[in-house]
Protein backbone atom coordinates (compact mmCIF):
# COMPACT_ATOMS: atom_id res chain seq x y z
CA MET A 1 115.77 -51.76 86.11
CA ILE A 2 119.42 -52.40 86.93
CA TYR A 3 120.89 -55.46 85.21
CA ASP A 4 124.41 -55.22 86.60
CA SER A 5 126.86 -52.81 88.20
CA LEU A 6 130.59 -52.51 88.74
CA ASP A 7 129.82 -52.64 92.46
CA ASN A 8 128.70 -56.27 92.03
CA HIS A 9 132.13 -57.22 90.68
CA LEU A 10 134.53 -54.99 92.57
CA ALA A 11 135.20 -57.27 95.53
CA SER A 12 135.99 -60.28 93.32
CA ALA A 13 137.94 -58.28 90.73
CA GLY A 14 140.04 -56.28 93.15
CA SER A 15 140.03 -53.10 91.03
CA ILE A 16 137.67 -51.05 88.89
CA ASP A 17 139.80 -51.70 85.80
CA ARG A 18 139.42 -55.46 86.14
CA ALA A 19 135.75 -55.30 87.21
CA ALA A 20 134.86 -53.21 84.14
CA VAL A 21 136.12 -55.70 81.55
CA PRO A 22 133.27 -58.27 81.32
CA LEU A 23 130.46 -55.76 81.77
CA GLY A 24 132.21 -53.26 79.50
CA MET A 25 132.51 -55.81 76.71
CA TYR A 26 128.78 -56.45 76.97
CA VAL A 27 128.00 -52.72 76.83
CA GLY A 28 130.42 -52.28 73.93
CA TRP A 29 128.74 -55.10 72.04
CA CYS A 30 125.32 -53.53 72.64
CA ALA A 31 126.60 -50.19 71.34
CA ASN A 32 128.13 -51.80 68.26
CA LEU A 33 124.87 -53.56 67.43
CA GLY A 34 122.75 -50.43 67.96
CA LEU A 35 121.06 -51.82 71.07
CA MET A 36 121.56 -48.68 73.15
CA SER A 37 118.59 -46.36 73.62
CA PRO A 38 118.24 -43.31 71.36
CA GLU A 39 118.58 -41.12 74.46
CA PHE A 40 121.83 -42.81 75.42
CA ASP A 41 123.15 -42.50 71.87
CA ALA A 42 122.25 -38.81 71.77
CA ALA A 43 123.80 -38.07 75.16
CA HIS A 44 127.00 -40.02 74.44
CA HIS A 45 127.18 -39.83 70.65
CA GLU A 46 130.89 -38.99 70.45
CA LEU A 47 131.84 -41.77 72.85
CA VAL A 48 129.73 -44.34 70.97
CA VAL A 49 131.27 -43.31 67.64
CA ARG A 50 134.77 -43.52 69.15
CA LEU A 51 133.92 -47.02 70.41
CA ARG A 52 132.81 -48.07 66.93
CA TYR A 53 136.11 -46.75 65.54
CA ARG A 54 137.87 -48.64 68.35
CA GLU A 55 139.39 -45.53 69.86
CA VAL A 56 137.82 -46.38 73.24
CA LYS A 57 136.84 -49.72 74.74
CA GLY A 58 133.55 -50.92 76.15
CA SER A 59 134.88 -50.55 79.68
CA GLU A 60 135.38 -46.82 79.03
CA LEU A 61 131.85 -46.51 77.64
CA LEU A 62 130.53 -48.36 80.69
CA VAL A 63 132.23 -46.00 83.12
CA ALA A 64 131.90 -42.69 81.24
CA GLY A 65 128.51 -43.28 79.62
CA CYS A 66 126.67 -45.57 82.03
CA GLY A 67 128.32 -44.53 85.27
CA GLY A 68 129.36 -48.14 85.83
CA VAL A 69 125.77 -49.39 85.85
CA LEU A 70 123.98 -51.29 83.08
CA GLN A 71 120.33 -50.37 83.40
CA SER A 72 117.27 -50.56 81.19
CA GLU A 73 117.33 -46.81 80.44
CA CYS A 74 120.64 -47.29 78.59
CA LEU A 75 119.20 -49.89 76.22
CA SER A 76 116.71 -49.87 73.37
CA PRO A 77 113.63 -52.11 73.64
CA ALA A 78 115.46 -54.79 71.64
CA GLY A 79 118.49 -54.41 73.92
CA GLN A 80 116.31 -54.69 76.99
CA ALA A 81 114.54 -57.80 75.68
CA PHE A 82 117.81 -59.53 74.87
CA THR A 83 119.43 -58.54 78.17
CA GLU A 84 116.43 -59.75 80.17
CA ARG A 85 116.49 -63.08 78.31
CA TYR A 86 120.24 -63.65 78.21
CA TYR A 87 122.22 -61.67 80.79
CA ASP A 88 121.88 -64.26 83.59
CA GLN A 89 124.05 -66.65 81.57
CA TYR A 90 126.48 -64.03 80.24
CA LEU A 91 129.21 -64.48 82.87
CA ASP A 92 129.03 -68.26 82.44
CA ASP A 93 129.50 -67.82 78.69
CA PHE A 94 132.27 -65.31 79.33
CA ARG A 95 134.03 -67.77 81.65
CA ALA A 96 133.61 -70.61 79.14
CA THR A 97 134.88 -68.49 76.25
CA PHE A 98 138.09 -67.51 78.00
CA ALA A 99 138.52 -70.61 80.21
CA GLY A 100 139.79 -68.67 83.16
CA ASP A 101 139.06 -66.13 85.82
CA VAL A 102 136.54 -63.61 84.52
CA TYR A 103 138.61 -60.73 85.86
CA ASP A 104 141.96 -61.86 84.42
CA ILE A 105 140.86 -61.30 80.81
CA GLU A 106 142.77 -58.62 78.94
CA ASP A 107 140.66 -55.59 78.00
CA SER A 108 141.54 -55.77 74.31
CA TRP A 109 139.75 -55.82 70.99
CA ALA A 110 140.98 -59.38 70.40
CA SER A 111 139.21 -60.49 73.59
CA TYR A 112 136.15 -58.46 72.63
CA GLU A 113 135.95 -60.26 69.25
CA GLN A 114 135.83 -63.62 71.01
CA ILE A 115 132.96 -62.74 73.34
CA ALA A 116 131.17 -60.69 70.65
CA ALA A 117 130.86 -63.85 68.54
CA VAL A 118 129.22 -65.64 71.48
CA LEU A 119 126.86 -62.71 72.14
CA THR A 120 125.91 -62.40 68.48
CA ARG A 121 125.11 -66.12 68.23
CA ALA A 122 122.90 -65.84 71.32
CA TYR A 123 121.21 -62.71 69.96
CA MET A 124 120.56 -64.17 66.51
CA ALA A 125 119.40 -67.60 67.73
CA PRO A 126 115.74 -68.26 66.94
CA LYS A 127 113.34 -68.70 69.77
CA ARG A 128 113.26 -72.49 69.87
CA SER A 129 109.71 -72.94 71.11
CA ARG A 130 108.32 -71.23 68.03
CA PHE A 131 110.00 -73.56 65.56
CA SER A 132 110.02 -76.93 67.26
CA ARG A 133 108.31 -79.84 65.46
CA ARG A 134 105.37 -81.34 67.38
CA SER A 135 102.25 -79.30 66.51
CA SER A 136 100.80 -77.77 63.37
CA ASP A 137 100.37 -74.39 65.07
CA PRO A 138 103.66 -72.47 64.63
CA THR A 139 103.06 -70.45 67.77
CA VAL A 140 102.73 -73.55 69.95
CA GLU A 141 105.78 -75.34 71.24
CA GLY A 142 106.39 -78.45 69.18
CA SER A 143 105.14 -77.05 65.85
CA THR A 144 105.60 -79.25 62.74
CA LYS A 145 105.88 -76.22 60.45
CA ARG A 146 109.29 -75.20 59.20
CA TRP A 147 110.52 -71.64 59.67
CA TRP A 148 109.61 -70.65 56.10
CA GLN A 149 106.04 -71.91 56.54
CA VAL A 150 105.32 -69.80 59.60
CA TRP A 151 104.80 -66.58 57.65
CA ARG A 152 102.49 -67.99 54.95
């Protein structure tokens, strides 16, 4: 499954360098959190390590490792699950984080840190339906059990 591609952004961005920034930051975040597939990590081990040491940026990993396409084969099962749940709102969050044109954002580690915080919050957020307060069954939306009571 293809989640996104540079081709989808090229016309609006005007250049590959600008088109690669938002998608590259997402791929870089996935690599930093270990959400890439074992096959991807094995095939691009040196590039992933260089990204973690901040010698290359996510946009470079996107182009060199993913061929400019974010697809399910690049991601671990956890990465796929998160991307399927969240990616539709990613560009909106990206736009809100930087309050400007998505393609005018500087491809820098300072910019990455800003969007990484947003991505990490979204990734770590509990699934709300499981912990809401209306029913005594913790698996039913509206549960009255608290999070610590679910696993008893």
